Amino acid sequence: MTKERMYKYLFGPIPSRRLGMSLGVDLVPKKVCSIDCVYCEVGRTTQLSVQPEDYIAADMIKEELNHYLQHNQAPDYVTITASGEPTLNANLEEIIAFVKQNEANIPVCVITNGTLLHDKKVREALNKADLILPSLDAATEPVFRKINRPHKEINFEAYIQGMIDFSAEFKGEIWLEVFILPNYNDSKEELLALKEIILKINPDIVQLNTLDRPGTVANLCGATQEELQAVMDLWQLDNVRIIAKAKQSTQTQFRSDTETAIKETISRRPCTVEDLITMLGLCEEEIDRCLGNLASLKGFEKVEQERGVFYQIREQ
């Protein structure tokens, strides 16, 4: 039986278009990151950094993980991510090891922008995971700076070489995400250059993604399915996949503390009612009721996008 609790560092499980029902583990404060992507669903980066620090003590995260896994249904993945860049947490290796030692049957995934993979210590920490999802949005430095807006100390060539080196060392799977954003990185020249880098990284899967939630820059438009298919046709690579929309879990409900779960999730990333229905396995009326109760909270807001109305709670 679920024991209700508001987690500070965990969220979900949420329906992931790539990982099924994914329990998120948040390793840095919002929003500490090495880049400031124009499309980021979490929001603008407030602290650009490339220096790993003890942002959140490992024991605090391990205590929450232990509580959740004792009182809730096991997720498909424990996904180490962040309201920023998770490899900036100096305790990353210890946290991955804790999950593997205590829940060996649950695979650990780390979602990273890959900018710190030039650091051997970061690569060694990630080697303990089962699956790594790094990002590659640009093949040239001007496009990298336009779409990802990196910390001034990030060297583009070192970033790319770090991913190549990590891929050669890592024993698990690498699913490389390429985020296609019209008018940013979708020229034929950039796409062909991206293909050359992808071949050097040699990931198990290349996942084409595009805008699905509000970004940090107004009036961004995601690529259409036809445009993503055109990229696949241009590349002619057998391991490229277009990320599909998340499907509802066959389980009816992962958590009973519905309102708390919704608050945890929309505090980190915007969600539609449909997203929340998929996450919690509840009817629309129940989700609407909970959102109505949360509407009085500071920072609660609705944002209209092409895919629908997104609900979020912004920090004040």
C-alpha atoms as a PDB file:
ATOM      1  CA  MET A   1       0.000   0.000   0.000  1.00  0.00           C
ATOM      2  CA  THR A   2       1.305   3.438  -0.926  1.00  0.00           C
ATOM      3  CA  LYS A   3       2.405   5.645   1.944  1.00  0.00           C
ATOM      4  CA  GLU A   4       1.667   9.227   0.941  1.00  0.00           C
ATOM      5  CA  ARG A   5       4.566  11.643   1.020  1.00  0.00           C
ATOM      6  CA  MET A   6       5.738  14.730  -0.810  1.00  0.00           C
ATOM      7  CA  TYR A   7       9.188  14.014  -2.216  1.00  0.00           C
ATOM      8  CA  LYS A   8      11.707  16.779  -2.675  1.00  0.00           C
ATOM      9  CA  TYR A   9      14.108  15.005  -5.038  1.00  0.00           C
ATOM     10  CA  LEU A  10      11.897  12.375  -6.711  1.00  0.00           C
ATOM     11  CA  PHE A  11       9.014  12.856  -9.122  1.00  0.00           C
ATOM     12  CA  GLY A  12       6.603  10.609 -10.950  1.00  0.00           C
ATOM     13  CA  PRO A  13       6.619   7.982 -12.149  1.00  0.00           C
ATOM     14  CA  ILE A  14       5.811   9.933 -15.283  1.00  0.00           C
ATOM     15  CA  PRO A  15       5.057   8.548 -18.762  1.00  0.00           C
ATOM     16  CA  SER A  16       8.201   8.850 -20.811  1.00  0.00           C
ATOM     17  CA  ARG A  17       8.080   8.650 -24.584  1.00  0.00           C
ATOM     18  CA  ARG A  18      11.282   6.642 -24.357  1.00  0.00           C
ATOM     19  CA  LEU A  19      11.304   4.795 -21.037  1.00  0.00           C
ATOM     20  CA  GLY A  20       7.749   3.823 -20.149  1.00  0.00           C
ATOM     21  CA  MET A  21       6.878   4.738 -16.543  1.00  0.00           C
ATOM     22  CA  SER A  22       9.959   6.518 -15.264  1.00  0.00           C
ATOM     23  CA  LEU A  23      10.716   7.514 -11.669  1.00  0.00           C
ATOM     24  CA  GLY A  24      12.683  10.741 -11.892  1.00  0.00           C
ATOM     25  CA  VAL A  25      15.565  11.530  -9.542  1.00  0.00           C
ATOM     26  CA  ASP A  26      16.400  15.227  -9.442  1.00  0.00           C
ATOM     27  CA  LEU A  27      20.085  15.845  -8.667  1.00  0.00           C
ATOM     28  CA  VAL A  28      20.567  19.610  -8.857  1.00  0.00           C
ATOM     29  CA  PRO A  29      18.561  22.686  -7.861  1.00  0.00           C
ATOM     30  CA  LYS A  30      16.385  24.304 -10.487  1.00  0.00           C
ATOM     31  CA  LYS A  31      17.907  25.436 -12.781  1.00  0.00           C
ATOM     32  CA  VAL A  32      21.634  24.655 -12.583  1.00  0.00           C
ATOM     33  CA  CYS A  33      22.969  23.560 -15.948  1.00  0.00           C
ATOM     34  CA  SER A  34      25.955  23.787 -18.247  1.00  0.00           C
ATOM     35  CA  ILE A  35      23.786  25.004 -21.128  1.00  0.00           C
ATOM     36  CA  ASP A  36      20.644  27.121 -21.569  1.00  0.00           C
ATOM     37  CA  CYS A  37      18.726  25.500 -24.441  1.00  0.00           C
ATOM     38  CA  VAL A  38      16.124  27.594 -26.198  1.00  0.00           C
ATOM     39  CA  TYR A  39      13.708  24.648 -26.145  1.00  0.00           C
ATOM     40  CA  CYS A  40      14.153  23.488 -22.526  1.00  0.00           C
ATOM     41  CA  GLU A  41      10.857  22.452 -20.926  1.00  0.00           C
ATOM     42  CA  VAL A  42      12.236  23.050 -17.418  1.00  0.00           C
ATOM     43  CA  GLY A  43      12.813  26.765 -18.056  1.00  0.00           C
ATOM     44  CA  ARG A  44      15.703  29.182 -18.387  1.00  0.00           C
ATOM     45  CA  THR A  45      19.000  28.294 -16.772  1.00  0.00           C
ATOM     46  CA  THR A  46      19.523  30.474 -13.712  1.00  0.00           C
ATOM     47  CA  GLN A  47      23.023  29.233 -12.877  1.00  0.00           C
ATOM     48  CA  LEU A  48      25.353  28.275 -15.715  1.00  0.00           C
ATOM     49  CA  SER A  49      28.054  25.975 -14.375  1.00  0.00           C
ATOM     50  CA  VAL A  50      30.559  23.357 -15.507  1.00  0.00           C
ATOM     51  CA  GLN A  51      31.895  22.501 -12.033  1.00  0.00           C
ATOM     52  CA  PRO A  52      30.473  19.397 -10.286  1.00  0.00           C
ATOM     53  CA  GLU A  53      29.494  20.180  -6.696  1.00  0.00           C
ATOM     54  CA  ASP A  54      27.799  18.554  -3.713  1.00  0.00           C
ATOM     55  CA  TYR A  55      24.492  20.235  -4.534  1.00  0.00           C
ATOM     56  CA  ILE A  56      22.343  17.631  -2.778  1.00  0.00           C
ATOM     57  CA  ALA A  57      23.738  15.166  -0.236  1.00  0.00           C
ATOM     58  CA  ALA A  58      23.630  11.570  -1.454  1.00  0.00           C
ATOM     59  CA  ASP A  59      22.075  10.384   1.825  1.00  0.00           C
ATOM     60  CA  MET A  60      19.065  12.664   1.335  1.00  0.00           C
ATOM     61  CA  ILE A  61      18.395  11.271  -2.127  1.00  0.00           C
ATOM     62  CA  LYS A  62      19.005   7.674  -1.009  1.00  0.00           C
ATOM     63  CA  GLU A  63      16.524   8.069   1.854  1.00  0.00           C
ATOM     64  CA  GLU A  64      13.779   9.209  -0.530  1.00  0.00           C
ATOM     65  CA  LEU A  65      14.577   6.437  -3.013  1.00  0.00           C
ATOM     66  CA  ASN A  66      14.450   3.853  -0.246  1.00  0.00           C
ATOM     67  CA  HIS A  67      11.074   5.155   0.976  1.00  0.00           C
ATOM     68  CA  TYR A  68       9.536   5.262  -2.499  1.00  0.00           C
ATOM     69  CA  LEU A  69      10.698   1.790  -3.533  1.00  0.00           C
ATOM     70  CA  GLN A  70       9.421   0.288  -0.278  1.00  0.00           C
ATOM     71  CA  HIS A  71       5.937   1.791  -0.563  1.00  0.00           C
ATOM     72  CA  ASN A  72       5.186   1.982  -4.277  1.00  0.00           C
ATOM     73  CA  GLN A  73       5.041  -0.151  -7.369  1.00  0.00           C
ATOM     74  CA  ALA A  74       8.393  -0.509  -9.129  1.00  0.00           C
ATOM     75  CA  PRO A  75       8.798   1.779 -12.152  1.00  0.00           C
ATOM     76  CA  ASP A  76      10.121   0.671 -15.531  1.00  0.00           C
ATOM     77  CA  TYR A  77      13.244   2.818 -14.981  1.00  0.00           C
ATOM     78  CA  VAL A  78      14.863   4.888 -12.295  1.00  0.00           C
ATOM     79  CA  THR A  79      15.841   7.877 -14.372  1.00  0.00           C
ATOM     80  CA  ILE A  80      18.529  10.194 -13.065  1.00  0.00           C
ATOM     81  CA  THR A  81      17.879  13.583 -14.516  1.00  0.00           C
ATOM     82  CA  ALA A  82      17.602  17.022 -13.015  1.00  0.00           C
ATOM     83  CA  SER A  83      16.032  20.415 -13.159  1.00  0.00           C
ATOM     84  CA  GLY A  84      19.326  21.091 -14.892  1.00  0.00           C
ATOM     85  CA  GLU A  85      22.329  18.829 -15.663  1.00  0.00           C
ATOM     86  CA  PRO A  86      22.664  15.754 -13.389  1.00  0.00           C
ATOM     87  CA  THR A  87      26.384  15.219 -14.005  1.00  0.00           C
ATOM     88  CA  LEU A  88      26.951  18.481 -12.110  1.00  0.00           C
ATOM     89  CA  ASN A  89      26.152  16.594  -8.882  1.00  0.00           C
ATOM     90  CA  ALA A  90      29.411  15.275  -7.450  1.00  0.00           C
ATOM     91  CA  ASN A  91      27.481  12.409  -5.781  1.00  0.00           C
ATOM     92  CA  LEU A  92      26.256  10.937  -9.069  1.00  0.00           C
ATOM     93  CA  GLU A  93      28.306   7.734  -8.875  1.00  0.00           C
ATOM     94  CA  GLU A  94      27.214   6.979  -5.301  1.00  0.00           C
ATOM     95  CA  ILE A  95      23.533   7.443  -6.146  1.00  0.00           C
ATOM     96  CA  ILE A  96      23.669   5.174  -9.195  1.00  0.00           C
ATOM     97  CA  ALA A  97      25.491   2.530  -7.146  1.00  0.00           C
ATOM     98  CA  PHE A  98      22.829   2.712  -4.410  1.00  0.00           C
ATOM     99  CA  VAL A  99      20.018   1.921  -6.844  1.00  0.00           C
ATOM    100  CA  LYS A 100      21.950  -0.936  -8.433  1.00  0.00           C
ATOM    101  CA  GLN A 101      22.818  -2.461  -5.056  1.00  0.00           C
ATOM    102  CA  ASN A 102      19.280  -2.228  -3.647  1.00  0.00           C
ATOM    103  CA  GLU A 103      17.060  -2.661  -6.701  1.00  0.00           C
ATOM    104  CA  ALA A 104      19.095  -4.723  -9.132  1.00  0.00           C
ATOM    105  CA  ASN A 105      16.052  -5.522 -11.290  1.00  0.00           C
ATOM    106  CA  ILE A 106      15.259  -1.870 -12.022  1.00  0.00           C
ATOM    107  CA  PRO A 107      17.488  -0.432 -14.755  1.00  0.00           C
ATOM    108  CA  VAL A 108      19.088   2.958 -14.172  1.00  0.00           C
ATOM    109  CA  CYS A 109      19.028   5.555 -16.911  1.00  0.00           C
ATOM    110  CA  VAL A 110      20.848   8.885 -16.894  1.00  0.00           C
ATOM    111  CA  ILE A 111      19.657  11.736 -19.104  1.00  0.00           C
ATOM    112  CA  THR A 112      22.522  14.146 -19.757  1.00  0.00           C
ATOM    113  CA  ASN A 113      23.381  16.883 -22.207  1.00  0.00           C
ATOM    114  CA  GLY A 114      26.812  15.262 -22.546  1.00  0.00           C
ATOM    115  CA  THR A 115      28.826  18.444 -22.139  1.00  0.00           C
ATOM    116  CA  LEU A 116      30.851  17.074 -19.202  1.00  0.00           C
ATOM    117  CA  LEU A 117      31.738  13.731 -20.793  1.00  0.00           C
ATOM    118  CA  HIS A 118      35.222  15.041 -21.530  1.00  0.00           C
ATOM    119  CA  ASP A 119      35.804  14.635 -17.768  1.00  0.00           C
ATOM    120  CA  LYS A 120      37.070  11.119 -16.965  1.00  0.00           C
ATOM    121  CA  LYS A 121      35.452  11.196 -13.499  1.00  0.00           C
ATOM    122  CA  VAL A 122      32.047  11.892 -15.024  1.00  0.00           C
ATOM    123  CA  ARG A 123      32.497   9.065 -17.521  1.00  0.00           C
ATOM    124  CA  GLU A 124      33.480   6.671 -14.711  1.00  0.00           C
ATOM    125  CA  ALA A 125      30.371   7.622 -12.705  1.00  0.00           C
ATOM    126  CA  LEU A 126      28.086   7.023 -15.686  1.00  0.00           C
ATOM    127  CA  ASN A 127      29.681   3.650 -16.368  1.00  0.00           C
ATOM    128  CA  LYS A 128      27.662   2.241 -13.439  1.00  0.00           C
ATOM    129  CA  ALA A 129      24.328   2.942 -15.206  1.00  0.00           C
ATOM    130  CA  ASP A 130      22.467   0.689 -17.637  1.00  0.00           C
ATOM    131  CA  LEU A 131      21.377   3.273 -20.164  1.00  0.00           C
ATOM    132  CA  ILE A 132      22.647   6.753 -21.040  1.00  0.00           C
ATOM    133  CA  LEU A 133      20.636   9.277 -23.022  1.00  0.00           C
ATOM    134  CA  PRO A 134      23.005  12.058 -24.126  1.00  0.00           C
ATOM    135  CA  SER A 135      22.030  14.946 -26.393  1.00  0.00           C
ATOM    136  CA  LEU A 136      23.462  16.214 -29.643  1.00  0.00           C
ATOM    137  CA  ASP A 137      21.708  19.167 -31.255  1.00  0.00           C
ATOM    138  CA  ALA A 138      24.496  20.704 -33.327  1.00  0.00           C
ATOM    139  CA  ALA A 139      27.407  19.690 -35.524  1.00  0.00           C
ATOM    140  CA  THR A 140      29.012  23.107 -35.698  1.00  0.00           C
ATOM    141  CA  GLU A 141      29.927  25.557 -32.962  1.00  0.00           C
ATOM    142  CA  PRO A 142      27.781  28.481 -34.232  1.00  0.00           C
ATOM    143  CA  VAL A 143      24.647  26.312 -34.199  1.00  0.00           C
ATOM    144  CA  PHE A 144      25.637  24.854 -30.808  1.00  0.00           C
ATOM    145  CA  ARG A 145      25.850  28.350 -29.339  1.00  0.00           C
ATOM    146  CA  LYS A 146      22.573  29.392 -30.975  1.00  0.00           C
ATOM    147  CA  ILE A 147      20.405  26.470 -29.849  1.00  0.00           C
ATOM    148  CA  ASN A 148      22.160  25.317 -26.630  1.00  0.00           C
ATOM    149  CA  ARG A 149      23.638  28.622 -25.367  1.00  0.00           C
ATOM    150  CA  PRO A 150      26.473  26.940 -23.397  1.00  0.00           C
ATOM    151  CA  HIS A 151      28.653  28.062 -20.494  1.00  0.00           C
ATOM    152  CA  LYS A 152      31.553  30.110 -21.814  1.00  0.00           C
ATOM    153  CA  GLU A 153      34.105  27.497 -20.714  1.00  0.00           C
ATOM    154  CA  ILE A 154      32.579  24.658 -22.741  1.00  0.00           C
ATOM    155  CA  ASN A 155      34.789  23.714 -25.664  1.00  0.00           C
ATOM    156  CA  PHE A 156      32.658  22.362 -28.503  1.00  0.00           C
ATOM    157  CA  GLU A 157      35.310  20.010 -29.848  1.00  0.00           C
ATOM    158  CA  ALA A 158      35.967  18.601 -26.351  1.00  0.00           C
ATOM    159  CA  TYR A 159      32.214  18.078 -25.883  1.00  0.00           C
ATOM    160  CA  ILE A 160      31.967  16.031 -29.083  1.00  0.00           C
ATOM    161  CA  GLN A 161      35.153  14.086 -28.344  1.00  0.00           C
ATOM    162  CA  GLY A 162      33.898  13.338 -24.838  1.00  0.00           C
ATOM    163  CA  MET A 163      30.812  11.639 -26.267  1.00  0.00           C
ATOM    164  CA  ILE A 164      32.930   9.664 -28.721  1.00  0.00           C
ATOM    165  CA  ASP A 165      35.278   8.543 -25.916  1.00  0.00           C
ATOM    166  CA  PHE A 166      32.404   7.629 -23.590  1.00  0.00           C
ATOM    167  CA  SER A 167      30.673   5.574 -26.266  1.00  0.00           C
ATOM    168  CA  ALA A 168      33.850   3.554 -26.771  1.00  0.00           C
ATOM    169  CA  GLU A 169      34.127   2.842 -23.013  1.00  0.00           C
ATOM    170  CA  PHE A 170      30.514   2.289 -21.955  1.00  0.00           C
ATOM    171  CA  LYS A 171      29.244  -1.281 -21.635  1.00  0.00           C
ATOM    172  CA  GLY A 172      25.539  -0.411 -21.482  1.00  0.00           C
ATOM    173  CA  GLU A 173      23.346   1.139 -24.150  1.00  0.00           C
ATOM    174  CA  ILE A 174      23.509   4.684 -25.499  1.00  0.00           C
ATOM    175  CA  TRP A 175      20.430   6.270 -27.022  1.00  0.00           C
ATOM    176  CA  LEU A 176      21.540   9.540 -28.565  1.00  0.00           C
ATOM    177  CA  GLU A 177      18.842  12.209 -28.682  1.00  0.00           C
ATOM    178  CA  VAL A 178      18.927  14.708 -31.533  1.00  0.00           C
ATOM    179  CA  PHE A 179      16.463  17.552 -31.049  1.00  0.00           C
ATOM    180  CA  ILE A 180      15.362  18.992 -34.390  1.00  0.00           C
ATOM    181  CA  LEU A 181      14.235  22.607 -34.178  1.00  0.00           C
ATOM    182  CA  PRO A 182      13.194  24.383 -37.380  1.00  0.00           C
ATOM    183  CA  ASN A 183      15.249  27.468 -38.236  1.00  0.00           C
ATOM    184  CA  TYR A 184      17.928  26.444 -35.760  1.00  0.00           C
ATOM    185  CA  ASN A 185      19.578  23.184 -36.799  1.00  0.00           C
ATOM    186  CA  ASP A 186      17.579  21.813 -39.728  1.00  0.00           C
ATOM    187  CA  SER A 187      19.614  23.050 -42.709  1.00  0.00           C
ATOM    188  CA  LYS A 188      20.834  20.315 -45.021  1.00  0.00           C
ATOM    189  CA  GLU A 189      24.469  21.231 -44.310  1.00  0.00           C
ATOM    190  CA  GLU A 190      24.000  20.980 -40.543  1.00  0.00           C
ATOM    191  CA  LEU A 191      22.059  17.723 -40.798  1.00  0.00           C
ATOM    192  CA  LEU A 192      24.742  16.103 -42.953  1.00  0.00           C
ATOM    193  CA  ALA A 193      27.422  17.253 -40.518  1.00  0.00           C
ATOM    194  CA  LEU A 194      25.354  15.807 -37.664  1.00  0.00           C
ATOM    195  CA  LYS A 195      25.296  12.467 -39.455  1.00  0.00           C
ATOM    196  CA  GLU A 196      29.089  12.402 -39.591  1.00  0.00           C
ATOM    197  CA  ILE A 197      29.353  12.998 -35.830  1.00  0.00           C
ATOM    198  CA  ILE A 198      26.676  10.392 -35.114  1.00  0.00           C
ATOM    199  CA  LEU A 199      28.690   7.823 -37.037  1.00  0.00           C
ATOM    200  CA  LYS A 200      31.733   8.621 -34.875  1.00  0.00           C
ATOM    201  CA  ILE A 201      29.767   8.338 -31.630  1.00  0.00           C
ATOM    202  CA  ASN A 202      28.177   5.100 -32.864  1.00  0.00           C
ATOM    203  CA  PRO A 203      25.210   4.998 -30.440  1.00  0.00           C
ATOM    204  CA  ASP A 204      22.885   2.004 -30.196  1.00  0.00           C
ATOM    205  CA  ILE A 205      19.899   4.151 -31.151  1.00  0.00           C
ATOM    206  CA  VAL A 206      19.475   7.694 -32.470  1.00  0.00           C
ATOM    207  CA  GLN A 207      16.237   9.266 -31.271  1.00  0.00           C
ATOM    208  CA  LEU A 208      14.825  12.201 -33.183  1.00  0.00           C
ATOM    209  CA  ASN A 209      12.906  14.534 -30.930  1.00  0.00           C
ATOM    210  CA  THR A 210      11.278  17.916 -31.303  1.00  0.00           C
ATOM    211  CA  LEU A 211       9.347  20.491 -29.295  1.00  0.00           C
ATOM    212  CA  ASP A 212       6.542  18.914 -27.229  1.00  0.00           C
ATOM    213  CA  ARG A 213       6.212  21.353 -24.305  1.00  0.00           C
ATOM    214  CA  PRO A 214       6.728  25.114 -23.936  1.00  0.00           C
ATOM    215  CA  GLY A 215      10.363  26.170 -24.385  1.00  0.00           C
ATOM    216  CA  THR A 216      12.235  29.186 -23.029  1.00  0.00           C
ATOM    217  CA  VAL A 217      11.948  31.271 -26.199  1.00  0.00           C
ATOM    218  CA  ALA A 218       8.560  32.479 -27.417  1.00  0.00           C
ATOM    219  CA  ASN A 219       6.994  31.231 -30.651  1.00  0.00           C
ATOM    220  CA  LEU A 220       9.219  28.196 -31.145  1.00  0.00           C
ATOM    221  CA  CYS A 221       7.726  25.601 -33.464  1.00  0.00           C
ATOM    222  CA  GLY A 222       8.442  21.897 -33.350  1.00  0.00           C
ATOM    223  CA  ALA A 223       9.254  19.886 -36.446  1.00  0.00           C
ATOM    224  CA  THR A 224       6.383  18.007 -38.068  1.00  0.00           C
ATOM    225  CA  GLN A 225       6.370  14.229 -38.436  1.00  0.00           C
ATOM    226  CA  GLU A 226       7.017  14.765 -42.145  1.00  0.00           C
ATOM    227  CA  GLU A 227      10.063  16.918 -41.389  1.00  0.00           C
ATOM    228  CA  LEU A 228      11.443  14.348 -38.958  1.00  0.00           C
ATOM    229  CA  GLN A 229      10.895  11.622 -41.542  1.00  0.00           C
ATOM    230  CA  ALA A 230      12.796  13.750 -44.074  1.00  0.00           C
ATOM    231  CA  VAL A 231      15.765  13.814 -41.676  1.00  0.00           C
ATOM    232  CA  MET A 232      15.663  10.029 -41.446  1.00  0.00           C
ATOM    233  CA  ASP A 233      15.511   9.769 -45.232  1.00  0.00           C
ATOM    234  CA  LEU A 234      18.489  12.099 -45.573  1.00  0.00           C
ATOM    235  CA  TRP A 235      20.624  10.217 -43.062  1.00  0.00           C
ATOM    236  CA  GLN A 236      19.799   6.698 -44.243  1.00  0.00           C
ATOM    237  CA  LEU A 237      20.858   5.196 -40.903  1.00  0.00           C
ATOM    238  CA  ASP A 238      19.262   1.970 -39.689  1.00  0.00           C
ATOM    239  CA  ASN A 239      19.232   2.899 -35.995  1.00  0.00           C
ATOM    240  CA  VAL A 240      17.301   6.196 -36.194  1.00  0.00           C
ATOM    241  CA  ARG A 241      13.890   6.362 -34.523  1.00  0.00           C
ATOM    242  CA  ILE A 242      11.333   9.120 -34.165  1.00  0.00           C
ATOM    243  CA  ILE A 243      10.308   9.355 -30.516  1.00  0.00           C
ATOM    244  CA  ALA A 244       6.680   8.321 -30.241  1.00  0.00           C
ATOM    245  CA  LYS A 245       4.138   9.795 -27.896  1.00  0.00           C
ATOM    246  CA  ALA A 246       4.017   8.137 -24.491  1.00  0.00           C
ATOM    247  CA  LYS A 247       1.490   5.354 -24.100  1.00  0.00           C
ATOM    248  CA  GLN A 248      -0.584   4.872 -20.988  1.00  0.00           C
ATOM    249  CA  SER A 249       0.754   2.215 -18.663  1.00  0.00           C
ATOM    250  CA  THR A 250      -1.121  -1.075 -18.480  1.00  0.00           C
ATOM    251  CA  GLN A 251      -1.077  -0.544 -14.719  1.00  0.00           C
ATOM    252  CA  THR A 252      -4.088   1.411 -13.540  1.00  0.00           C
ATOM    253  CA  GLN A 253      -2.252   3.618 -11.078  1.00  0.00           C
ATOM    254  CA  PHE A 254       1.310   3.978  -9.794  1.00  0.00           C
ATOM    255  CA  ARG A 255       0.550   6.358  -6.922  1.00  0.00           C
ATOM    256  CA  SER A 256      -2.524   6.998  -4.797  1.00  0.00           C
ATOM    257  CA  ASP A 257      -1.400  10.437  -3.577  1.00  0.00           C
ATOM    258  CA  THR A 258      -2.661  12.019  -6.778  1.00  0.00           C
ATOM    259  CA  GLU A 259      -2.533  15.685  -5.862  1.00  0.00           C
ATOM    260  CA  THR A 260       0.977  15.422  -4.442  1.00  0.00           C
ATOM    261  CA  ALA A 261       2.203  13.526  -7.498  1.00  0.00           C
ATOM    262  CA  ILE A 262       0.744  16.170  -9.805  1.00  0.00           C
ATOM    263  CA  LYS A 263       2.330  18.975  -7.780  1.00  0.00           C
ATOM    264  CA  GLU A 264       5.748  17.283  -7.853  1.00  0.00           C
ATOM    265  CA  THR A 265       5.566  16.834 -11.606  1.00  0.00           C
ATOM    266  CA  ILE A 266       4.241  20.188 -12.812  1.00  0.00           C
ATOM    267  CA  SER A 267       6.697  21.959 -10.513  1.00  0.00           C
ATOM    268  CA  ARG A 268       9.440  20.501 -12.719  1.00  0.00           C
ATOM    269  CA  ARG A 269       7.935  20.440 -16.223  1.00  0.00           C
ATOM    270  CA  PRO A 270       4.685  21.508 -17.852  1.00  0.00           C
ATOM    271  CA  CYS A 271       2.060  18.785 -18.439  1.00  0.00           C
ATOM    272  CA  THR A 272      -1.305  18.597 -20.157  1.00  0.00           C
ATOM    273  CA  VAL A 273      -4.310  16.904 -18.601  1.00  0.00           C
ATOM    274  CA  GLU A 274      -3.698  14.048 -21.047  1.00  0.00           C
ATOM    275  CA  ASP A 275      -0.107  13.692 -19.785  1.00  0.00           C
ATOM    276  CA  LEU A 276      -1.352  13.483 -16.201  1.00  0.00           C
ATOM    277  CA  ILE A 277      -4.064  10.961 -17.075  1.00  0.00           C
ATOM    278  CA  THR A 278      -1.381   8.760 -18.637  1.00  0.00           C
ATOM    279  CA  MET A 279       0.861   9.175 -15.610  1.00  0.00           C
ATOM    280  CA  LEU A 280      -1.713   8.393 -12.934  1.00  0.00           C
ATOM    281  CA  GLY A 281      -4.258   6.190 -14.696  1.00  0.00           C
ATOM    282  CA  LEU A 282      -7.141   8.351 -13.437  1.00  0.00           C
ATOM    283  CA  CYS A 283     -10.124   9.855 -15.204  1.00  0.00           C
ATOM    284  CA  GLU A 284     -10.119  13.409 -16.552  1.00  0.00           C
ATOM    285  CA  GLU A 285     -12.612  14.572 -13.917  1.00  0.00           C
ATOM    286  CA  GLU A 286     -10.293  13.538 -11.076  1.00  0.00           C
ATOM    287  CA  ILE A 287      -7.288  15.246 -12.679  1.00  0.00           C
ATOM    288  CA  ASP A 288      -9.338  18.412 -13.223  1.00  0.00           C
ATOM    289  CA  ARG A 289     -10.427  18.346  -9.577  1.00  0.00           C
ATOM    290  CA  CYS A 290      -6.843  18.120  -8.352  1.00  0.00           C
ATOM    291  CA  LEU A 291      -5.666  20.861 -10.706  1.00  0.00           C
ATOM    292  CA  GLY A 292      -8.489  23.034  -9.393  1.00  0.00           C
ATOM    293  CA  ASN A 293      -7.231  22.504  -5.847  1.00  0.00           C
ATOM    294  CA  LEU A 294      -3.684  23.417  -6.902  1.00  0.00           C
ATOM    295  CA  ALA A 295      -4.748  26.524  -8.829  1.00  0.00           C
ATOM    296  CA  SER A 296      -4.503  28.721  -5.736  1.00  0.00           C
ATOM    297  CA  LEU A 297      -0.793  27.945  -5.263  1.00  0.00           C
ATOM    298  CA  LYS A 298       1.723  30.662  -6.033  1.00  0.00           C
ATOM    299  CA  GLY A 299       3.258  30.191  -9.455  1.00  0.00           C
ATOM    300  CA  PHE A 300       0.440  27.989 -10.795  1.00  0.00           C
ATOM    301  CA  GLU A 301      -0.300  28.869 -14.400  1.00  0.00           C
ATOM    302  CA  LYS A 302      -1.678  27.583 -17.681  1.00  0.00           C
ATOM    303  CA  VAL A 303       0.224  27.907 -20.956  1.00  0.00           C
ATOM    304  CA  GLU A 304      -1.464  27.291 -24.295  1.00  0.00           C
ATOM    305  CA  GLN A 305       0.589  25.504 -26.921  1.00  0.00           C
ATOM    306  CA  GLU A 306      -0.197  23.719 -30.161  1.00  0.00           C
ATOM    307  CA  ARG A 307      -0.476  20.353 -28.374  1.00  0.00           C
ATOM    308  CA  GLY A 308      -2.889  21.731 -25.781  1.00  0.00           C
ATOM    309  CA  VAL A 309      -3.040  23.559 -22.455  1.00  0.00           C
ATOM    310  CA  PHE A 310      -0.040  22.905 -20.206  1.00  0.00           C
ATOM    311  CA  TYR A 311      -0.153  23.308 -16.428  1.00  0.00           C
ATOM    312  CA  GLN A 312       2.922  24.265 -14.449  1.00  0.00           C
ATOM    313  CA  ILE A 313       4.038  25.731 -11.151  1.00  0.00           C
ATOM    314  CA  ARG A 314       6.823  28.248 -11.585  1.00  0.00           C
ATOM    315  CA  GLU A 315       9.209  29.180  -8.800  1.00  0.00           C
ATOM    316  CA  GLN A 316       8.582  32.625  -7.400  1.00  0.00           C
END
